[in-house]
Amino acid sequence: MKVGLDRRRKGPYDLETLDVDPAELERRTGWSIKPQGACKGERCVPLPQGDGVGARVLAERLGMPLVRDEATGLWCLGSESGGRALGSAEAPDFKLPNLNGRPFRLGDLRGKKVLLYAWASW
């Protein structure tokens, strides 16, 4: 397993395969793999018995988003979300007025990389 460029910070990390290195998982996320499952502090989540730890199982059991960038072939296992993770990295289509007051649909940009920036006064 190769990890993304910034190996110092905790949180999400990039994977070239769905195999997870337990030591790297603990260093990056705080979750350690023990006989009773994946543990963080006093909390342990059971994992299936078998060879190695897979990112798909961890994502499902720990509430971590798992997304893949098709262009690079990289996977990213995100931070746990307490069950509020997005189901995918694809934003829902919506329509809002643009700066000129004309309707704009996000779906018109489908297939292009888009950065969404949201701001609220409250």
Protein backbone atom coordinates (compact mmCIF):
# COMPACT_ATOMS: atom_id res chain seq x y z
CA MET A 1 0.00 0.00 0.00
CA LYS A 2 1.25 3.45 -0.86
CA VAL A 3 -0.12 6.39 1.04
CA GLY A 4 -0.79 9.92 -0.22
CA LEU A 5 1.83 12.65 -0.13
CA ASP A 6 1.13 14.15 3.28
CA ARG A 7 1.86 11.27 5.66
CA ARG A 8 2.04 13.52 8.75
CA ARG A 9 -1.58 14.60 9.13
CA LYS A 10 -4.35 12.50 10.63
CA GLY A 11 -7.55 11.97 8.71
CA PRO A 12 -8.35 10.71 5.21
CA TYR A 13 -5.68 9.03 3.18
CA ASP A 14 -5.17 7.78 -0.33
CA LEU A 15 -4.77 4.13 -1.29
CA GLU A 16 -3.64 2.49 -4.50
CA THR A 17 -5.45 -0.73 -3.55
CA LEU A 18 -8.27 -1.60 -1.17
CA ASP A 19 -5.84 -3.39 1.17
CA VAL A 20 -5.23 -1.41 4.36
CA ASP A 21 -2.02 -1.51 6.40
CA PRO A 22 -3.14 -1.69 10.08
CA ALA A 23 -0.20 0.39 11.34
CA GLU A 24 -0.87 3.12 8.77
CA LEU A 25 -4.60 3.00 9.54
CA GLU A 26 -3.91 3.63 13.23
CA ARG A 27 -1.41 6.39 12.51
CA ARG A 28 -3.71 8.15 10.06
CA THR A 29 -7.13 7.67 11.71
CA GLY A 30 -6.61 6.58 15.31
CA TRP A 31 -8.38 3.24 14.67
CA SER A 32 -6.29 0.19 15.59
CA ILE A 33 -6.93 -3.37 14.48
CA LYS A 34 -7.18 -5.76 17.43
CA PRO A 35 -8.53 -9.32 17.84
CA GLN A 36 -11.91 -7.88 18.90
CA GLY A 37 -12.11 -5.65 15.79
CA ALA A 38 -11.30 -2.04 14.92
CA CYS A 39 -10.83 -0.05 18.12
CA LYS A 40 -10.48 3.63 18.96
CA GLY A 41 -10.17 4.31 22.66
CA GLU A 42 -12.76 2.21 24.48
CA ARG A 43 -14.93 1.77 21.37
CA CYS A 44 -14.48 -1.43 19.31
CA VAL A 45 -16.36 -2.37 16.14
CA PRO A 46 -16.32 -6.07 15.17
CA LEU A 47 -14.68 -6.95 11.85
CA PRO A 48 -15.01 -10.16 9.83
CA GLN A 49 -12.28 -12.71 10.53
CA GLY A 50 -9.92 -13.36 7.66
CA ASP A 51 -6.78 -12.26 5.91
CA GLY A 52 -6.06 -8.57 6.13
CA VAL A 53 -8.29 -5.58 6.47
CA GLY A 54 -10.13 -4.18 3.48
CA ALA A 55 -11.04 -0.54 2.93
CA ARG A 56 -14.59 -1.44 1.87
CA VAL A 57 -15.29 -3.27 5.15
CA LEU A 58 -13.74 -0.47 7.21
CA ALA A 59 -15.73 2.16 5.33
CA GLU A 60 -18.98 0.29 5.96
CA ARG A 61 -18.35 -0.65 9.60
CA LEU A 62 -16.76 2.62 10.74
CA GLY A 63 -18.91 5.08 8.77
CA MET A 64 -16.00 6.29 6.62
CA PRO A 65 -16.63 7.46 3.06
CA LEU A 66 -14.68 5.55 0.43
CA VAL A 67 -14.34 7.14 -2.99
CA ARG A 68 -12.30 6.34 -6.09
CA ASP A 69 -10.79 8.69 -8.63
CA GLU A 70 -11.12 6.85 -11.93
CA ALA A 71 -8.49 8.97 -13.69
CA THR A 72 -5.68 8.11 -11.25
CA GLY A 73 -7.00 4.80 -9.95
CA LEU A 74 -6.59 6.01 -6.36
CA TRP A 75 -9.00 5.33 -3.51
CA CYS A 76 -9.51 7.66 -0.57
CA LEU A 77 -10.75 6.44 2.80
CA GLY A 78 -12.21 9.47 4.55
CA SER A 79 -12.63 10.34 8.19
CA GLU A 80 -15.42 8.74 10.18
CA SER A 81 -18.61 10.71 10.09
CA GLY A 82 -20.88 9.26 12.73
CA GLY A 83 -23.22 7.95 10.04
CA ARG A 84 -23.59 11.22 8.16
CA ALA A 85 -21.27 10.41 5.25
CA LEU A 86 -22.20 11.04 1.65
CA GLY A 87 -23.10 7.94 -0.29
CA SER A 88 -20.90 9.07 -3.17
CA ALA A 89 -18.71 11.94 -4.29
CA GLU A 90 -21.38 12.96 -6.82
CA ALA A 91 -23.36 16.07 -5.90
CA PRO A 92 -27.12 16.07 -6.52
CA ASP A 93 -28.36 18.17 -9.41
CA PHE A 94 -29.87 21.52 -8.39
CA LYS A 95 -30.91 24.75 -10.07
CA LEU A 96 -30.12 28.26 -8.78
CA PRO A 97 -29.98 31.71 -10.36
CA ASN A 98 -26.54 32.74 -11.61
CA LEU A 99 -25.05 36.23 -11.12
CA ASN A 100 -27.20 37.53 -14.00
CA GLY A 101 -30.38 36.01 -12.56
CA ARG A 102 -30.59 33.26 -15.18
CA PRO A 103 -31.24 29.67 -14.07
CA PHE A 104 -28.11 27.55 -13.67
CA ARG A 105 -28.12 23.76 -13.22
CA LEU A 106 -25.19 21.97 -11.63
CA GLY A 107 -25.95 19.04 -13.95
CA ASP A 108 -24.85 21.22 -16.90
CA LEU A 109 -21.27 20.73 -15.66
CA ARG A 110 -21.52 16.93 -15.42
CA GLY A 111 -18.24 15.32 -16.46
CA LYS A 112 -16.13 18.32 -15.45
CA LYS A 113 -14.29 18.87 -12.19
CA VAL A 114 -16.21 21.38 -10.07
CA LEU A 115 -15.43 23.09 -6.80
CA LEU A 116 -18.54 24.01 -4.83
CA TYR A 117 -18.14 26.87 -2.37
CA ALA A 118 -20.98 27.55 0.02
CA TRP A 119 -21.36 30.56 2.30
CA ALA A 120 -24.04 31.64 4.73
CA SER A 121 -24.34 34.81 6.78
CA TRP A 122 -25.40 33.06 9.96
